[in-house]
Amino acid sequence: DPALRFNWQTPILLSSHNPDILYMGANRLFRSMDQGVSWS
């Protein structure tokens, strides 16, 4: 895959429905279901 681009202030967000779920934005939006151990 092409290299990811992360903003200087990259946004992150814990889900209000399940705090094991973490979102992070690069040029694509990523989601982790296990507190940031693995990402999709």
Full PDB file with SEQRES, HELIX, SHEET, SSBOND, CRYST1, ORIGX, SCALE, CONECT and MASTER records, all heavy atoms in Angstrom:
SEQRES   1 A   40  ASP PRO ALA LEU ARG PHE ASN TRP GLN THR PRO ILE LEU          
SEQRES   2 A   40  LEU SER SER HIS ASN PRO ASP ILE LEU TYR MET GLY ALA          
SEQRES   3 A   40  ASN ARG LEU PHE ARG SER MET ASP GLN GLY VAL SER TRP          
SEQRES   4 A   40  SER                                                          
SHEET    1 AA1 3 ILE A  12  LEU A  14  0                                        
SHEET    2 AA1 3 LEU A  22  GLY A  25 -1                                        
SHEET    3 AA1 3 LEU A  29  SER A  32 -1                                        
CRYST1    1.000    1.000    1.000  90.00  90.00  90.00 P 1           1          
ORIGX1      1.000000  0.000000  0.000000        0.00000                         
ORIGX2      0.000000  1.000000  0.000000        0.00000                         
ORIGX3      0.000000  0.000000  1.000000        0.00000                         
SCALE1      1.000000  0.000000  0.000000        0.00000                         
SCALE2      0.000000  1.000000  0.000000        0.00000                         
SCALE3      0.000000  0.000000  1.000000        0.00000                         
ATOM      1  N   ASP A   1       0.827  -1.209   0.000  1.00  0.00           N  
ATOM      2  CA  ASP A   1       0.000   0.000   0.000  1.00  0.00           C  
ATOM      3  C   ASP A   1       0.860   1.259   0.000  1.00  0.00           C  
ATOM      4  O   ASP A   1       2.012   1.234   0.474  1.00  0.00           O  
ATOM      5  CB  ASP A   1      -0.905   0.026   1.230  1.00  0.00           C  
ATOM      6  CG  ASP A   1      -1.960  -1.067   1.184  1.00  0.00           C  
ATOM      7  OD1 ASP A   1      -2.249  -1.550   0.072  1.00  0.00           O  
ATOM      8  OD2 ASP A   1      -2.484  -1.424   2.260  1.00  0.00           O  
ATOM      9  N   PRO A   2       0.332   2.368  -0.509  1.00  0.00           N  
ATOM     10  CA  PRO A   2       1.068   3.635  -0.433  1.00  0.00           C  
ATOM     11  C   PRO A   2       1.293   4.053   1.019  1.00  0.00           C  
ATOM     12  O   PRO A   2       0.539   3.650   1.926  1.00  0.00           O  
ATOM     13  CB  PRO A   2       0.141   4.623  -1.156  1.00  0.00           C  
ATOM     14  CG  PRO A   2      -0.801   3.781  -1.956  1.00  0.00           C  
ATOM     15  CD  PRO A   2      -0.957   2.503  -1.207  1.00  0.00           C  
ATOM     16  N   ALA A   3       2.323   4.861   1.244  1.00  0.00           N  
ATOM     17  CA  ALA A   3       2.599   5.360   2.589  1.00  0.00           C  
ATOM     18  C   ALA A   3       1.429   6.202   3.081  1.00  0.00           C  
ATOM     19  O   ALA A   3       0.769   6.900   2.300  1.00  0.00           O  
ATOM     20  CB  ALA A   3       3.881   6.181   2.584  1.00  0.00           C  
ATOM     21  N   LEU A   4       1.178   6.143   4.374  1.00  0.00           N  
ATOM     22  CA  LEU A   4       0.115   6.933   4.979  1.00  0.00           C  
ATOM     23  C   LEU A   4       0.600   8.350   5.262  1.00  0.00           C  
ATOM     24  O   LEU A   4       1.785   8.582   5.488  1.00  0.00           O  
ATOM     25  CB  LEU A   4      -0.356   6.278   6.274  1.00  0.00           C  
ATOM     26  CG  LEU A   4      -0.975   4.885   6.141  1.00  0.00           C  
ATOM     27  CD1 LEU A   4      -1.236   4.287   7.519  1.00  0.00           C  
ATOM     28  CD2 LEU A   4      -2.259   4.946   5.328  1.00  0.00           C  
ATOM     29  N   ARG A   5      -0.340   9.286   5.273  1.00  0.00           N  
ATOM     30  CA  ARG A   5      -0.044  10.673   5.628  1.00  0.00           C  
ATOM     31  C   ARG A   5      -0.787  11.018   6.913  1.00  0.00           C  
ATOM     32  O   ARG A   5      -2.008  10.881   6.989  1.00  0.00           O  
ATOM     33  CB  ARG A   5      -0.469  11.622   4.494  1.00  0.00           C  
ATOM     34  CG  ARG A   5       0.256  11.374   3.185  1.00  0.00           C  
ATOM     35  CD  ARG A   5      -0.101  12.437   2.144  1.00  0.00           C  
ATOM     36  NE  ARG A   5      -1.528  12.462   1.847  1.00  0.00           N  
ATOM     37  CZ  ARG A   5      -2.125  11.648   0.981  1.00  0.00           C  
ATOM     38  NH1 ARG A   5      -1.424  10.704   0.336  1.00  0.00           N  
ATOM     39  NH2 ARG A   5      -3.421  11.758   0.751  1.00  0.00           N  
ATOM     40  N   PHE A   6      -0.038  11.456   7.920  1.00  0.00           N  
ATOM     41  CA  PHE A   6      -0.607  11.841   9.203  1.00  0.00           C  
ATOM     42  C   PHE A   6      -0.462  13.348   9.391  1.00  0.00           C  
ATOM     43  O   PHE A   6       0.633  13.889   9.227  1.00  0.00           O  
ATOM     44  CB  PHE A   6       0.095  11.127  10.362  1.00  0.00           C  
ATOM     45  CG  PHE A   6      -0.126   9.637  10.397  1.00  0.00           C  
ATOM     46  CD1 PHE A   6       0.712   8.776   9.701  1.00  0.00           C  
ATOM     47  CD2 PHE A   6      -1.170   9.106  11.132  1.00  0.00           C  
ATOM     48  CE1 PHE A   6       0.516   7.405   9.733  1.00  0.00           C  
ATOM     49  CE2 PHE A   6      -1.377   7.720  11.178  1.00  0.00           C  
ATOM     50  CZ  PHE A   6      -0.527   6.876  10.472  1.00  0.00           C  
ATOM     51  N   ASN A   7      -1.557  14.000   9.750  1.00  0.00           N  
ATOM     52  CA  ASN A   7      -1.508  15.435  10.012  1.00  0.00           C  
ATOM     53  C   ASN A   7      -0.606  15.732  11.213  1.00  0.00           C  
ATOM     54  O   ASN A   7      -0.398  14.875  12.072  1.00  0.00           O  
ATOM     55  CB  ASN A   7      -2.916  15.965  10.275  1.00  0.00           C  
ATOM     56  CG  ASN A   7      -2.994  17.470  10.279  1.00  0.00           C  
ATOM     57  OD1 ASN A   7      -2.901  18.101  11.325  1.00  0.00           O  
ATOM     58  ND2 ASN A   7      -3.152  18.049   9.107  1.00  0.00           N  
ATOM     59  N   TRP A   8      -0.080  16.943  11.235  1.00  0.00           N  
ATOM     60  CA  TRP A   8       0.731  17.383  12.388  1.00  0.00           C  
ATOM     61  C   TRP A   8      -0.007  17.086  13.690  1.00  0.00           C  
ATOM     62  O   TRP A   8       0.562  16.551  14.629  1.00  0.00           O  
ATOM     63  CB  TRP A   8       1.007  18.881  12.257  1.00  0.00           C  
ATOM     64  CG  TRP A   8       1.743  19.489  13.411  1.00  0.00           C  
ATOM     65  CD1 TRP A   8       1.199  20.105  14.495  1.00  0.00           C  
ATOM     66  CD2 TRP A   8       3.162  19.539  13.600  1.00  0.00           C  
ATOM     67  NE1 TRP A   8       2.183  20.531  15.353  1.00  0.00           N  
ATOM     68  CE2 TRP A   8       3.398  20.191  14.819  1.00  0.00           C  
ATOM     69  CE3 TRP A   8       4.244  19.092  12.846  1.00  0.00           C  
ATOM     70  CZ2 TRP A   8       4.683  20.424  15.299  1.00  0.00           C  
ATOM     71  CZ3 TRP A   8       5.522  19.317  13.338  1.00  0.00           C  
ATOM     72  CH2 TRP A   8       5.728  19.975  14.554  1.00  0.00           C  
ATOM     73  N   GLN A   9      -1.314  17.426  13.754  1.00  0.00           N  
ATOM     74  CA  GLN A   9      -2.132  17.070  14.916  1.00  0.00           C  
ATOM     75  C   GLN A   9      -3.123  15.987  14.486  1.00  0.00           C  
ATOM     76  O   GLN A   9      -4.262  16.254  14.116  1.00  0.00           O  
ATOM     77  CB  GLN A   9      -2.874  18.283  15.485  1.00  0.00           C  
ATOM     78  CG  GLN A   9      -3.579  17.952  16.766  1.00  0.00           C  
ATOM     79  CD  GLN A   9      -4.416  19.078  17.327  1.00  0.00           C  
ATOM     80  OE1 GLN A   9      -5.169  18.874  18.274  1.00  0.00           O  
ATOM     81  NE2 GLN A   9      -4.305  20.279  16.778  1.00  0.00           N  
ATOM     82  N   THR A  10      -2.654  14.772  14.519  1.00  0.00           N  
ATOM     83  CA  THR A  10      -3.461  13.644  14.065  1.00  0.00           C  
ATOM     84  C   THR A  10      -4.632  13.409  15.023  1.00  0.00           C  
ATOM     85  O   THR A  10      -4.430  13.298  16.228  1.00  0.00           O  
ATOM     86  CB  THR A  10      -2.588  12.379  13.988  1.00  0.00           C  
ATOM     87  OG1 THR A  10      -1.557  12.580  13.022  1.00  0.00           O  
ATOM     88  CG2 THR A  10      -3.415  11.173  13.605  1.00  0.00           C  
ATOM     89  N   PRO A  11      -5.856  13.312  14.496  1.00  0.00           N  
ATOM     90  CA  PRO A  11      -6.999  13.104  15.394  1.00  0.00           C  
ATOM     91  C   PRO A  11      -7.134  11.652  15.830  1.00  0.00           C  
ATOM     92  O   PRO A  11      -6.922  10.717  15.048  1.00  0.00           O  
ATOM     93  CB  PRO A  11      -8.192  13.516  14.526  1.00  0.00           C  
ATOM     94  CG  PRO A  11      -7.754  13.264  13.122  1.00  0.00           C  
ATOM     95  CD  PRO A  11      -6.265  13.521  13.095  1.00  0.00           C  
ATOM     96  N   ILE A  12      -7.488  11.460  17.095  1.00  0.00           N  
ATOM     97  CA  ILE A  12      -7.808  10.147  17.648  1.00  0.00           C  
ATOM     98  C   ILE A  12      -9.130  10.255  18.392  1.00  0.00           C  
ATOM     99  O   ILE A  12      -9.534  11.341  18.827  1.00  0.00           O  
ATOM    100  CB  ILE A  12      -6.708   9.613  18.592  1.00  0.00           C  
ATOM    101  CG1 ILE A  12      -6.500  10.563  19.786  1.00  0.00           C  
ATOM    102  CG2 ILE A  12      -5.414   9.390  17.852  1.00  0.00           C  
ATOM    103  CD1 ILE A  12      -5.592   9.990  20.861  1.00  0.00           C  
ATOM    104  N   LEU A  13      -9.827   9.115  18.551  1.00  0.00           N  
ATOM    105  CA  LEU A  13     -11.134   9.143  19.214  1.00  0.00           C  
ATOM    106  C   LEU A  13     -11.451   7.762  19.773  1.00  0.00           C  
ATOM    107  O   LEU A  13     -11.433   6.766  19.049  1.00  0.00           O  
ATOM    108  CB  LEU A  13     -12.225   9.556  18.223  1.00  0.00           C  
ATOM    109  CG  LEU A  13     -13.637   9.659  18.786  1.00  0.00           C  
ATOM    110  CD1 LEU A  13     -13.745  10.810  19.782  1.00  0.00           C  
ATOM    111  CD2 LEU A  13     -14.651   9.831  17.653  1.00  0.00           C  
ATOM    112  N   LEU A  14     -11.746   7.705  21.079  1.00  0.00           N  
ATOM    113  CA  LEU A  14     -12.279   6.492  21.684  1.00  0.00           C  
ATOM    114  C   LEU A  14     -13.783   6.444  21.448  1.00  0.00           C  
ATOM    115  O   LEU A  14     -14.477   7.445  21.617  1.00  0.00           O  
ATOM    116  CB  LEU A  14     -12.009   6.466  23.187  1.00  0.00           C  
ATOM    117  CG  LEU A  14     -10.689   5.887  23.692  1.00  0.00           C  
ATOM    118  CD1 LEU A  14     -10.651   5.959  25.215  1.00  0.00           C  
ATOM    119  CD2 LEU A  14     -10.484   4.459  23.228  1.00  0.00           C  
ATOM    120  N   SER A  15     -14.288   5.275  21.089  1.00  0.00           N  
ATOM    121  CA  SER A  15     -15.717   5.130  20.860  1.00  0.00           C  
ATOM    122  C   SER A  15     -16.484   5.303  22.164  1.00  0.00           C  
ATOM    123  O   SER A  15     -16.106   4.743  23.201  1.00  0.00           O  
ATOM    124  CB  SER A  15     -16.020   3.756  20.266  1.00  0.00           C  
ATOM    125  OG  SER A  15     -17.418   3.536  20.199  1.00  0.00           O  
ATOM    126  N   SER A  16     -17.579   6.068  22.106  1.00  0.00           N  
ATOM    127  CA  SER A  16     -18.434   6.213  23.282  1.00  0.00           C  
ATOM    128  C   SER A  16     -19.289   4.973  23.506  1.00  0.00           C  
ATOM    129  O   SER A  16     -19.898   4.817  24.567  1.00  0.00           O  
ATOM    130  CB  SER A  16     -19.343   7.435  23.117  1.00  0.00           C  
ATOM    131  OG  SER A  16     -20.170   7.302  21.963  1.00  0.00           O  
ATOM    132  N   HIS A  17     -19.339   4.073  22.516  1.00  0.00           N  
ATOM    133  CA  HIS A  17     -20.136   2.851  22.635  1.00  0.00           C  
ATOM    134  C   HIS A  17     -19.323   1.700  23.213  1.00  0.00           C  
ATOM    135  O   HIS A  17     -19.874   0.822  23.889  1.00  0.00           O  
ATOM    136  CB  HIS A  17     -20.684   2.453  21.262  1.00  0.00           C  
ATOM    137  CG  HIS A  17     -21.538   3.498  20.636  1.00  0.00           C  
ATOM    138  ND1 HIS A  17     -22.871   3.651  20.940  1.00  0.00           N  
ATOM    139  CD2 HIS A  17     -21.244   4.481  19.728  1.00  0.00           C  
ATOM    140  CE1 HIS A  17     -23.375   4.651  20.241  1.00  0.00           C  
ATOM    141  NE2 HIS A  17     -22.407   5.174  19.502  1.00  0.00           N  
ATOM    142  N   ASN A  18     -18.020   1.712  22.945  1.00  0.00           N  
ATOM    143  CA  ASN A  18     -17.140   0.652  23.448  1.00  0.00           C  
ATOM    144  C   ASN A  18     -15.727   1.225  23.499  1.00  0.00           C  
ATOM    145  O   ASN A  18     -15.093   1.388  22.455  1.00  0.00           O  
ATOM    146  CB  ASN A  18     -17.197  -0.572  22.538  1.00  0.00           C  
ATOM    147  CG  ASN A  18     -16.316  -1.713  23.018  1.00  0.00           C  
ATOM    148  OD1 ASN A  18     -15.475  -1.543  23.898  1.00  0.00           O  
ATOM    149  ND2 ASN A  18     -16.491  -2.884  22.433  1.00  0.00           N  
ATOM    150  N   PRO A  19     -15.208   1.506  24.686  1.00  0.00           N  
ATOM    151  CA  PRO A  19     -13.889   2.150  24.772  1.00  0.00           C  
ATOM    152  C   PRO A  19     -12.716   1.248  24.414  1.00  0.00           C  
ATOM    153  O   PRO A  19     -11.570   1.693  24.490  1.00  0.00           O  
ATOM    154  CB  PRO A  19     -13.818   2.616  26.233  1.00  0.00           C  
ATOM    155  CG  PRO A  19     -14.798   1.760  26.958  1.00  0.00           C  
ATOM    156  CD  PRO A  19     -15.882   1.430  25.987  1.00  0.00           C  
ATOM    157  N   ASP A  20     -12.964   0.000  24.029  1.00  0.00           N  
ATOM    158  CA  ASP A  20     -11.903  -0.801  23.427  1.00  0.00           C  
ATOM    159  C   ASP A  20     -11.665  -0.382  21.980  1.00  0.00           C  
ATOM    160  O   ASP A  20     -10.638  -0.725  21.394  1.00  0.00           O  
ATOM    161  CB  ASP A  20     -12.259  -2.290  23.448  1.00  0.00           C  
ATOM    162  CG  ASP A  20     -12.093  -2.896  24.837  1.00  0.00           C  
ATOM    163  OD1 ASP A  20     -11.354  -2.318  25.657  1.00  0.00           O  
ATOM    164  OD2 ASP A  20     -12.722  -3.942  25.095  1.00  0.00           O  
ATOM    165  N   ILE A  21     -12.630   0.350  21.407  1.00  0.00           N  
ATOM    166  CA  ILE A  21     -12.551   0.759  20.010  1.00  0.00           C  
ATOM    167  C   ILE A  21     -11.918   2.142  19.922  1.00  0.00           C  
ATOM    168  O   ILE A  21     -12.389   3.095  20.551  1.00  0.00           O  
ATOM    169  CB  ILE A  21     -13.943   0.761  19.366  1.00  0.00           C  
ATOM    170  CG1 ILE A  21     -14.536  -0.648  19.402  1.00  0.00           C  
ATOM    171  CG2 ILE A  21     -13.872   1.282  17.931  1.00  0.00           C  
ATOM    172  CD1 ILE A  21     -15.958  -0.731  18.871  1.00  0.00           C  
ATOM    173  N   LEU A  22     -10.851   2.237  19.149  1.00  0.00           N  
ATOM    174  CA  LEU A  22     -10.120   3.487  18.970  1.00  0.00           C  
ATOM    175  C   LEU A  22     -10.061   3.811  17.485  1.00  0.00           C  
ATOM    176  O   LEU A  22      -9.760   2.941  16.667  1.00  0.00           O  
ATOM    177  CB  LEU A  22      -8.702   3.359  19.535  1.00  0.00           C  
ATOM    178  CG  LEU A  22      -7.773   4.565  19.409  1.00  0.00           C  
ATOM    179  CD1 LEU A  22      -8.283   5.730  20.261  1.00  0.00           C  
ATOM    180  CD2 LEU A  22      -6.352   4.194  19.819  1.00  0.00           C  
ATOM    181  N   TYR A  23     -10.358   5.068  17.145  1.00  0.00           N  
ATOM    182  CA  TYR A  23     -10.255   5.545  15.775  1.00  0.00           C  
ATOM    183  C   TYR A  23      -9.048   6.478  15.646  1.00  0.00           C  
ATOM    184  O   TYR A  23      -8.712   7.211  16.586  1.00  0.00           O  
ATOM    185  CB  TYR A  23     -11.508   6.322  15.372  1.00  0.00           C  
ATOM    186  CG  TYR A  23     -12.789   5.531  15.416  1.00  0.00           C  
ATOM    187  CD1 TYR A  23     -13.639   5.597  16.523  1.00  0.00           C  
ATOM    188  CD2 TYR A  23     -13.169   4.721  14.344  1.00  0.00           C  
ATOM    189  CE1 TYR A  23     -14.819   4.879  16.562  1.00  0.00           C  
ATOM    190  CE2 TYR A  23     -14.362   3.996  14.371  1.00  0.00           C  
ATOM    191  CZ  TYR A  23     -15.178   4.080  15.494  1.00  0.00           C  
ATOM    192  OH  TYR A  23     -16.355   3.370  15.532  1.00  0.00           O  
ATOM    193  N   MET A  24      -8.402   6.438  14.482  1.00  0.00           N  
ATOM    194  CA  MET A  24      -7.318   7.369  14.192  1.00  0.00           C  
ATOM    195  C   MET A  24      -7.375   7.740  12.716  1.00  0.00           C  
ATOM    196  O   MET A  24      -7.625   6.885  11.851  1.00  0.00           O  
ATOM    197  CB  MET A  24      -5.952   6.765  14.540  1.00  0.00           C  
ATOM    198  CG  MET A  24      -4.789   7.734  14.305  1.00  0.00           C  
ATOM    199  SD  MET A  24      -3.143   7.053  14.712  1.00  0.00           S  
ATOM    200  CE  MET A  24      -3.271   6.884  16.484  1.00  0.00           C  
ATOM    201  N   GLY A  25      -7.145   9.022  12.435  1.00  0.00           N  
ATOM    202  CA  GLY A  25      -7.204   9.484  11.064  1.00  0.00           C  
ATOM    203  C   GLY A  25      -5.832   9.752  10.484  1.00  0.00           C  
ATOM    204  O   GLY A  25      -5.041  10.504  11.066  1.00  0.00           O  
ATOM    205  N   ALA A  26      -5.531   9.154   9.346  1.00  0.00           N  
ATOM    206  CA  ALA A  26      -4.358   9.507   8.538  1.00  0.00           C  
ATOM    207  C   ALA A  26      -4.932  10.186   7.291  1.00  0.00           C  
ATOM    208  O   ALA A  26      -5.667  11.152   7.421  1.00  0.00           O  
ATOM    209  CB  ALA A  26      -3.547   8.270   8.206  1.00  0.00           C  
ATOM    210  N   ASN A  27      -4.610   9.750   6.101  1.00  0.00           N  
ATOM    211  CA  ASN A  27      -5.396  10.152   4.944  1.00  0.00           C  
ATOM    212  C   ASN A  27      -6.566   9.174   4.742  1.00  0.00           C  
ATOM    213  O   ASN A  27      -7.500   9.458   3.993  1.00  0.00           O  
ATOM    214  CB  ASN A  27      -4.543  10.230   3.672  1.00  0.00           C  
ATOM    215  CG  ASN A  27      -3.744   8.960   3.435  1.00  0.00           C  
ATOM    216  OD1 ASN A  27      -3.041   8.490   4.328  1.00  0.00           O  
ATOM    217  ND2 ASN A  27      -3.841   8.396   2.242  1.00  0.00           N  
ATOM    218  N   ARG A  28      -6.510   8.033   5.435  1.00  0.00           N  
ATOM    219  CA  ARG A  28      -7.624   7.104   5.561  1.00  0.00           C  
ATOM    220  C   ARG A  28      -8.004   7.027   7.037  1.00  0.00           C  
ATOM    221  O   ARG A  28      -7.189   7.319   7.915  1.00  0.00           O  
ATOM    222  CB  ARG A  28      -7.236   5.719   5.042  1.00  0.00           C  
ATOM    223  CG  ARG A  28      -6.659   5.700   3.644  1.00  0.00           C  
ATOM    224  CD  ARG A  28      -6.127   4.329   3.247  1.00  0.00           C  
ATOM    225  NE  ARG A  28      -7.215   3.372   3.043  1.00  0.00           N  
ATOM    226  CZ  ARG A  28      -7.018   2.091   2.731  1.00  0.00           C  
ATOM    227  NH1 ARG A  28      -5.771   1.602   2.625  1.00  0.00           N  
ATOM    228  NH2 ARG A  28      -8.033   1.271   2.548  1.00  0.00           N  
ATOM    229  N   LEU A  29      -9.248   6.641   7.304  1.00  0.00           N  
ATOM    230  CA  LEU A  29      -9.670   6.458   8.688  1.00  0.00           C  
ATOM    231  C   LEU A  29      -9.428   5.015   9.091  1.00  0.00           C  
ATOM    232  O   LEU A  29      -9.782   4.078   8.367  1.00  0.00           O  
ATOM    233  CB  LEU A  29     -11.149   6.802   8.857  1.00  0.00           C  
ATOM    234  CG  LEU A  29     -11.676   6.735  10.303  1.00  0.00           C  
ATOM    235  CD1 LEU A  29     -10.957   7.748  11.184  1.00  0.00           C  
ATOM    236  CD2 LEU A  29     -13.181   6.959  10.350  1.00  0.00           C  
ATOM    237  N   PHE A  30      -8.807   4.841  10.271  1.00  0.00           N  
ATOM    238  CA  PHE A  30      -8.496   3.524  10.789  1.00  0.00           C  
ATOM    239  C   PHE A  30      -9.271   3.272  12.074  1.00  0.00           C  
ATOM    240  O   PHE A  30      -9.569   4.202  12.844  1.00  0.00           O  
ATOM    241  CB  PHE A  30      -6.997   3.393  11.061  1.00  0.00           C  
ATOM    242  CG  PHE A  30      -6.169   3.242   9.820  1.00  0.00           C  
ATOM    243  CD1 PHE A  30      -5.797   4.355   9.083  1.00  0.00           C  
ATOM    244  CD2 PHE A  30      -5.760   1.993   9.388  1.00  0.00           C  
ATOM    245  CE1 PHE A  30      -5.036   4.222   7.936  1.00  0.00           C  
ATOM    246  CE2 PHE A  30      -5.000   1.847   8.240  1.00  0.00           C  
ATOM    247  CZ  PHE A  30      -4.638   2.969   7.506  1.00  0.00           C  
ATOM    248  N   ARG A  31      -9.549   1.985  12.321  1.00  0.00           N  
ATOM    249  CA  ARG A  31     -10.248   1.584  13.541  1.00  0.00           C  
ATOM    250  C   ARG A  31      -9.542   0.394  14.168  1.00  0.00           C  
ATOM    251  O   ARG A  31      -9.145  -0.549  13.478  1.00  0.00           O  
ATOM    252  CB  ARG A  31     -11.700   1.212  13.230  1.00  0.00           C  
ATOM    253  CG  ARG A  31     -12.516   0.775  14.464  1.00  0.00           C  
ATOM    254  CD  ARG A  31     -13.943   0.453  14.073  1.00  0.00           C  
ATOM    255  NE  ARG A  31     -14.010  -0.646  13.121  1.00  0.00           N  
ATOM    256  CZ  ARG A  31     -15.035  -0.853  12.294  1.00  0.00           C  
ATOM    257  NH1 ARG A  31     -16.063  -0.030  12.293  1.00  0.00           N  
ATOM    258  NH2 ARG A  31     -15.014  -1.889  11.458  1.00  0.00           N  
ATOM    259  N   SER A  32      -9.373   0.459  15.478  1.00  0.00           N  
ATOM    260  CA  SER A  32      -8.845  -0.664  16.251  1.00  0.00           C  
ATOM    261  C   SER A  32      -9.933  -1.164  17.183  1.00  0.00           C  
ATOM    262  O   SER A  32     -10.606  -0.370  17.844  1.00  0.00           O  
ATOM    263  CB  SER A  32      -7.625  -0.229  17.067  1.00  0.00           C  
ATOM    264  OG  SER A  32      -7.237  -1.261  17.967  1.00  0.00           O  
ATOM    265  N   MET A  33     -10.111  -2.471  17.242  1.00  0.00           N  
ATOM    266  CA  MET A  33     -11.102  -3.077  18.135  1.00  0.00           C  
ATOM    267  C   MET A  33     -10.485  -3.547  19.445  1.00  0.00           C  
ATOM    268  O   MET A  33     -11.189  -4.057  20.308  1.00  0.00           O  
ATOM    269  CB  MET A  33     -11.780  -4.261  17.434  1.00  0.00           C  
ATOM    270  CG  MET A  33     -12.371  -3.932  16.075  1.00  0.00           C  
ATOM    271  SD  MET A  33     -13.767  -2.787  16.151  1.00  0.00           S  
ATOM    272  CE  MET A  33     -15.055  -3.907  16.722  1.00  0.00           C  
ATOM    273  N   ASP A  34      -9.152  -3.359  19.587  1.00  0.00           N  
ATOM    274  CA  ASP A  34      -8.454  -3.913  20.751  1.00  0.00           C  
ATOM    275  C   ASP A  34      -7.498  -2.894  21.369  1.00  0.00           C  
ATOM    276  O   ASP A  34      -6.355  -3.199  21.671  1.00  0.00           O  
ATOM    277  CB  ASP A  34      -7.709  -5.190  20.367  1.00  0.00           C  
ATOM    278  CG  ASP A  34      -6.811  -5.011  19.152  1.00  0.00           C  
ATOM    279  OD1 ASP A  34      -6.583  -3.856  18.740  1.00  0.00           O  
ATOM    280  OD2 ASP A  34      -6.332  -6.030  18.626  1.00  0.00           O  
ATOM    281  N   GLN A  35      -7.970  -1.669  21.542  1.00  0.00           N  
ATOM    282  CA  GLN A  35      -7.210  -0.615  22.218  1.00  0.00           C  
ATOM    283  C   GLN A  35      -5.926  -0.240  21.480  1.00  0.00           C  
ATOM    284  O   GLN A  35      -4.929   0.128  22.094  1.00  0.00           O  
ATOM    285  CB  GLN A  35      -6.877  -1.028  23.660  1.00  0.00           C  
ATOM    286  CG  GLN A  35      -8.093  -1.240  24.542  1.00  0.00           C  
ATOM    287  CD  GLN A  35      -7.712  -1.585  25.965  1.00  0.00           C  
ATOM    288  OE1 GLN A  35      -6.895  -2.470  26.220  1.00  0.00           O  
ATOM    289  NE2 GLN A  35      -8.308  -0.875  26.909  1.00  0.00           N  
ATOM    290  N   GLY A  36      -5.953  -0.325  20.168  1.00  0.00           N  
ATOM    291  CA  GLY A  36      -4.817   0.132  19.392  1.00  0.00           C  
ATOM    292  C   GLY A  36      -3.748  -0.903  19.124  1.00  0.00           C  
ATOM    293  O   GLY A  36      -2.695  -0.564  18.581  1.00  0.00           O  
ATOM    294  N   VAL A  37      -3.990  -2.161  19.481  1.00  0.00           N  
ATOM    295  CA  VAL A  37      -2.999  -3.208  19.209  1.00  0.00           C  
ATOM    296  C   VAL A  37      -2.968  -3.530  17.723  1.00  0.00           C  
ATOM    297  O   VAL A  37      -1.903  -3.640  17.112  1.00  0.00           O  
ATOM    298  CB  VAL A  37      -3.306  -4.464  20.042  1.00  0.00           C  
ATOM    299  CG1 VAL A  37      -2.334  -5.588  19.682  1.00  0.00           C  
ATOM    300  CG2 VAL A  37      -3.221  -4.152  21.535  1.00  0.00           C  
ATOM    301  N   SER A  38      -4.129  -3.693  17.111  1.00  0.00           N  
ATOM    302  CA  SER A  38      -4.215  -3.984  15.675  1.00  0.00           C  
ATOM    303  C   SER A  38      -5.186  -3.002  15.031  1.00  0.00           C  
ATOM    304  O   SER A  38      -6.082  -2.462  15.699  1.00  0.00           O  
ATOM    305  CB  SER A  38      -4.671  -5.427  15.447  1.00  0.00           C  
ATOM    306  OG  SER A  38      -5.943  -5.656  16.033  1.00  0.00           O  
ATOM    307  N   TRP A  39      -5.007  -2.784  13.726  1.00  0.00           N  
ATOM    308  CA  TRP A  39      -5.758  -1.739  13.030  1.00  0.00           C  
ATOM    309  C   TRP A  39      -6.300  -2.252  11.709  1.00  0.00           C  
ATOM    310  O   TRP A  39      -5.689  -3.103  11.061  1.00  0.00           O  
ATOM    311  CB  TRP A  39      -4.860  -0.532  12.752  1.00  0.00           C  
ATOM    312  CG  TRP A  39      -4.414   0.191  13.980  1.00  0.00           C  
ATOM    313  CD1 TRP A  39      -3.283  -0.045  14.696  1.00  0.00           C  
ATOM    314  CD2 TRP A  39      -5.100   1.262  14.631  1.00  0.00           C  
ATOM    315  NE1 TRP A  39      -3.222   0.820  15.764  1.00  0.00           N  
ATOM    316  CE2 TRP A  39      -4.312   1.634  15.747  1.00  0.00           C  
ATOM    317  CE3 TRP A  39      -6.281   1.953  14.379  1.00  0.00           C  
ATOM    318  CZ2 TRP A  39      -4.689   2.664  16.605  1.00  0.00           C  
ATOM    319  CZ3 TRP A  39      -6.667   2.979  15.235  1.00  0.00           C  
ATOM    320  CH2 TRP A  39      -5.870   3.323  16.339  1.00  0.00           C  
ATOM    321  N   SER A  40      -7.441  -1.666  11.306  1.00  0.00           N  
ATOM    322  CA  SER A  40      -8.019  -1.917   9.985  1.00  0.00           C  
ATOM    323  C   SER A  40      -8.431  -0.584   9.380  1.00  0.00           C  
ATOM    324  O   SER A  40      -9.003   0.269  10.074  1.00  0.00           O  
ATOM    325  CB  SER A  40      -9.252  -2.827  10.077  1.00  0.00           C  
ATOM    326  OG  SER A  40      -8.915  -4.085  10.598  1.00  0.00           O  
TER     327      SER A  40                                                      
MASTER        0    0    0    0    3    0    0    6  326    1    0    4          
END                                                                             
